[in-house]
Amino acid sequence: MHIDFFGQRLKSVRKSKRMTQMDLSKRLVVSKGTVSAYEQGLSYPSLETFVKICDILDTSSDYLLGISDDLPFKMGGLTDKQMESVLQFVSLIEKANRTINNADA
């Protein structure tokens, strides 16, 4: 996978943990805009921050970087394939919302 998937996967995992960008930013001690930039692929975290992200979200670096498609956590008894579908769906909804919001601007 390409590094562009980092932002999508970060957002999907964050949302699956029911965290807002603000929640994550406070725990990382960065601005909400910084988390937003990570999720949009506009910037990438330092190695130290990346390790914190993995710890806070209880996910693997391999998953966030696209090296592996295996999620290190389970959501409500869903299969791996179902979990990936849910995460992809969340990502698609976010993209659609951004498109709609940009069109309204």
C-alpha atoms as a PDB file:
ATOM      1  CA  MET A   1       0.000   0.000   0.000  1.00  0.00           C
ATOM      2  CA  HIS A   2       0.966   3.598  -0.423  1.00  0.00           C
ATOM      3  CA  ILE A   3       1.631   5.965   2.492  1.00  0.00           C
ATOM      4  CA  ASP A   4      -1.519   7.910   1.507  1.00  0.00           C
ATOM      5  CA  PHE A   5      -3.478   5.214   3.306  1.00  0.00           C
ATOM      6  CA  PHE A   6      -1.990   6.359   6.622  1.00  0.00           C
ATOM      7  CA  GLY A   7      -4.439   9.248   6.998  1.00  0.00           C
ATOM      8  CA  GLN A   8      -7.435   7.156   6.029  1.00  0.00           C
ATOM      9  CA  ARG A   9      -6.479   4.376   8.395  1.00  0.00           C
ATOM     10  CA  LEU A  10      -5.686   6.790  11.207  1.00  0.00           C
ATOM     11  CA  LYS A  11      -9.108   8.380  10.870  1.00  0.00           C
ATOM     12  CA  SER A  12     -10.901   5.047  10.649  1.00  0.00           C
ATOM     13  CA  VAL A  13      -9.198   3.610  13.713  1.00  0.00           C
ATOM     14  CA  ARG A  14      -9.718   6.858  15.652  1.00  0.00           C
ATOM     15  CA  LYS A  15     -13.419   6.816  14.825  1.00  0.00           C
ATOM     16  CA  SER A  16     -13.743   3.129  15.663  1.00  0.00           C
ATOM     17  CA  LYS A  17     -12.418   4.043  19.127  1.00  0.00           C
ATOM     18  CA  ARG A  18     -15.104   6.768  19.310  1.00  0.00           C
ATOM     19  CA  MET A  19     -12.504   9.497  19.601  1.00  0.00           C
ATOM     20  CA  THR A  20     -12.768  12.927  18.051  1.00  0.00           C
ATOM     21  CA  GLN A  21      -9.825  14.685  16.483  1.00  0.00           C
ATOM     22  CA  MET A  22      -9.836  16.922  19.551  1.00  0.00           C
ATOM     23  CA  ASP A  23      -9.687  13.899  21.891  1.00  0.00           C
ATOM     24  CA  LEU A  24      -6.685  12.501  20.036  1.00  0.00           C
ATOM     25  CA  SER A  25      -4.978  15.873  19.777  1.00  0.00           C
ATOM     26  CA  LYS A  26      -5.227  16.411  23.545  1.00  0.00           C
ATOM     27  CA  ARG A  27      -3.716  13.009  24.261  1.00  0.00           C
ATOM     28  CA  LEU A  28      -0.917  13.644  21.750  1.00  0.00           C
ATOM     29  CA  VAL A  29      -0.424  17.223  23.012  1.00  0.00           C
ATOM     30  CA  VAL A  30      -0.796  18.636  19.493  1.00  0.00           C
ATOM     31  CA  SER A  31      -3.438  20.843  17.904  1.00  0.00           C
ATOM     32  CA  LYS A  32      -6.650  19.515  16.398  1.00  0.00           C
ATOM     33  CA  GLY A  33      -5.414  20.961  13.106  1.00  0.00           C
ATOM     34  CA  THR A  34      -2.320  18.776  13.326  1.00  0.00           C
ATOM     35  CA  VAL A  35      -4.437  15.631  13.679  1.00  0.00           C
ATOM     36  CA  SER A  36      -6.596  16.839  10.795  1.00  0.00           C
ATOM     37  CA  ALA A  37      -3.476  17.349   8.657  1.00  0.00           C
ATOM     38  CA  TYR A  38      -2.323  13.800   9.451  1.00  0.00           C
ATOM     39  CA  GLU A  39      -5.704  12.413   8.427  1.00  0.00           C
ATOM     40  CA  GLN A  40      -5.762  14.433   5.208  1.00  0.00           C
ATOM     41  CA  GLY A  41      -2.237  13.380   4.292  1.00  0.00           C
ATOM     42  CA  LEU A  42      -0.988  16.969   4.427  1.00  0.00           C
ATOM     43  CA  SER A  43       1.665  16.104   7.016  1.00  0.00           C
ATOM     44  CA  TYR A  44       2.947  13.122   8.910  1.00  0.00           C
ATOM     45  CA  PRO A  45       3.770  12.689  12.593  1.00  0.00           C
ATOM     46  CA  SER A  46       7.266  12.451  13.981  1.00  0.00           C
ATOM     47  CA  LEU A  47       8.384   8.973  14.957  1.00  0.00           C
ATOM     48  CA  GLU A  48       7.775   9.781  18.628  1.00  0.00           C
ATOM     49  CA  THR A  49       4.231  11.000  17.898  1.00  0.00           C
ATOM     50  CA  PHE A  50       3.584   8.016  15.627  1.00  0.00           C
ATOM     51  CA  VAL A  51       4.470   5.632  18.463  1.00  0.00           C
ATOM     52  CA  LYS A  52       2.092   7.566  20.766  1.00  0.00           C
ATOM     53  CA  ILE A  53      -0.684   7.300  18.154  1.00  0.00           C
ATOM     54  CA  CYS A  54      -0.251   3.528  17.989  1.00  0.00           C
ATOM     55  CA  ASP A  55      -0.319   3.303  21.782  1.00  0.00           C
ATOM     56  CA  ILE A  56      -3.327   5.591  22.270  1.00  0.00           C
ATOM     57  CA  LEU A  57      -5.363   3.884  19.544  1.00  0.00           C
ATOM     58  CA  ASP A  58      -4.130   0.413  20.522  1.00  0.00           C
ATOM     59  CA  THR A  59      -3.252  -0.375  16.924  1.00  0.00           C
ATOM     60  CA  SER A  60      -0.156  -1.561  15.128  1.00  0.00           C
ATOM     61  CA  SER A  61       2.230   0.613  13.180  1.00  0.00           C
ATOM     62  CA  ASP A  62       2.099  -1.979  10.399  1.00  0.00           C
ATOM     63  CA  TYR A  63      -1.644  -1.443  10.048  1.00  0.00           C
ATOM     64  CA  LEU A  64      -1.433   2.353   9.996  1.00  0.00           C
ATOM     65  CA  LEU A  65       1.416   2.275   7.459  1.00  0.00           C
ATOM     66  CA  GLY A  66      -0.363  -0.180   5.189  1.00  0.00           C
ATOM     67  CA  ILE A  67       2.218  -2.939   5.699  1.00  0.00           C
ATOM     68  CA  SER A  68      -0.484  -5.214   7.084  1.00  0.00           C
ATOM     69  CA  ASP A  69      -4.233  -5.341   6.739  1.00  0.00           C
ATOM     70  CA  ASP A  70      -4.608  -7.133  10.071  1.00  0.00           C
ATOM     71  CA  LEU A  71      -6.308  -5.083  12.735  1.00  0.00           C
ATOM     72  CA  PRO A  72      -4.980  -5.707  16.258  1.00  0.00           C
ATOM     73  CA  PHE A  73      -8.388  -5.168  17.862  1.00  0.00           C
ATOM     74  CA  LYS A  74     -11.884  -6.567  17.472  1.00  0.00           C
ATOM     75  CA  MET A  75     -15.093  -4.625  17.079  1.00  0.00           C
ATOM     76  CA  GLY A  76     -18.213  -6.235  18.466  1.00  0.00           C
ATOM     77  CA  GLY A  77     -17.557  -9.768  17.236  1.00  0.00           C
ATOM     78  CA  LEU A  78     -17.168  -8.772  13.597  1.00  0.00           C
ATOM     79  CA  THR A  79     -14.964 -10.793  11.288  1.00  0.00           C
ATOM     80  CA  ASP A  80     -11.772  -9.250   9.926  1.00  0.00           C
ATOM     81  CA  LYS A  81     -13.453  -8.728   6.562  1.00  0.00           C
ATOM     82  CA  GLN A  82     -16.459  -7.051   8.183  1.00  0.00           C
ATOM     83  CA  MET A  83     -14.206  -4.792  10.268  1.00  0.00           C
ATOM     84  CA  GLU A  84     -12.277  -3.672   7.195  1.00  0.00           C
ATOM     85  CA  SER A  85     -15.565  -2.970   5.419  1.00  0.00           C
ATOM     86  CA  VAL A  86     -16.777  -0.868   8.368  1.00  0.00           C
ATOM     87  CA  LEU A  87     -13.520   1.106   8.441  1.00  0.00           C
ATOM     88  CA  GLN A  88     -13.635   1.674   4.687  1.00  0.00           C
ATOM     89  CA  PHE A  89     -17.260   2.781   4.947  1.00  0.00           C
ATOM     90  CA  VAL A  90     -16.407   5.308   7.670  1.00  0.00           C
ATOM     91  CA  SER A  91     -13.622   6.648   5.462  1.00  0.00           C
ATOM     92  CA  LEU A  92     -15.984   6.981   2.477  1.00  0.00           C
ATOM     93  CA  ILE A  93     -18.569   8.844   4.555  1.00  0.00           C
ATOM     94  CA  GLU A  94     -15.893  11.272   5.741  1.00  0.00           C
ATOM     95  CA  LYS A  95     -14.766  11.885   2.149  1.00  0.00           C
ATOM     96  CA  ALA A  96     -18.360  12.494   1.070  1.00  0.00           C
ATOM     97  CA  ASN A  97     -18.888  14.925   3.954  1.00  0.00           C
ATOM     98  CA  ARG A  98     -15.735  16.853   2.994  1.00  0.00           C
ATOM     99  CA  THR A  99     -16.940  17.051  -0.612  1.00  0.00           C
ATOM    100  CA  ILE A 100     -20.347  18.317   0.471  1.00  0.00           C
ATOM    101  CA  ASN A 101     -18.825  20.812   2.904  1.00  0.00           C
ATOM    102  CA  ASN A 102     -16.418  22.099   0.237  1.00  0.00           C
ATOM    103  CA  ALA A 103     -19.286  22.485  -2.242  1.00  0.00           C
ATOM    104  CA  ASP A 104     -21.257  24.519   0.300  1.00  0.00           C
ATOM    105  CA  ALA A 105     -18.317  26.811   0.996  1.00  0.00           C
END
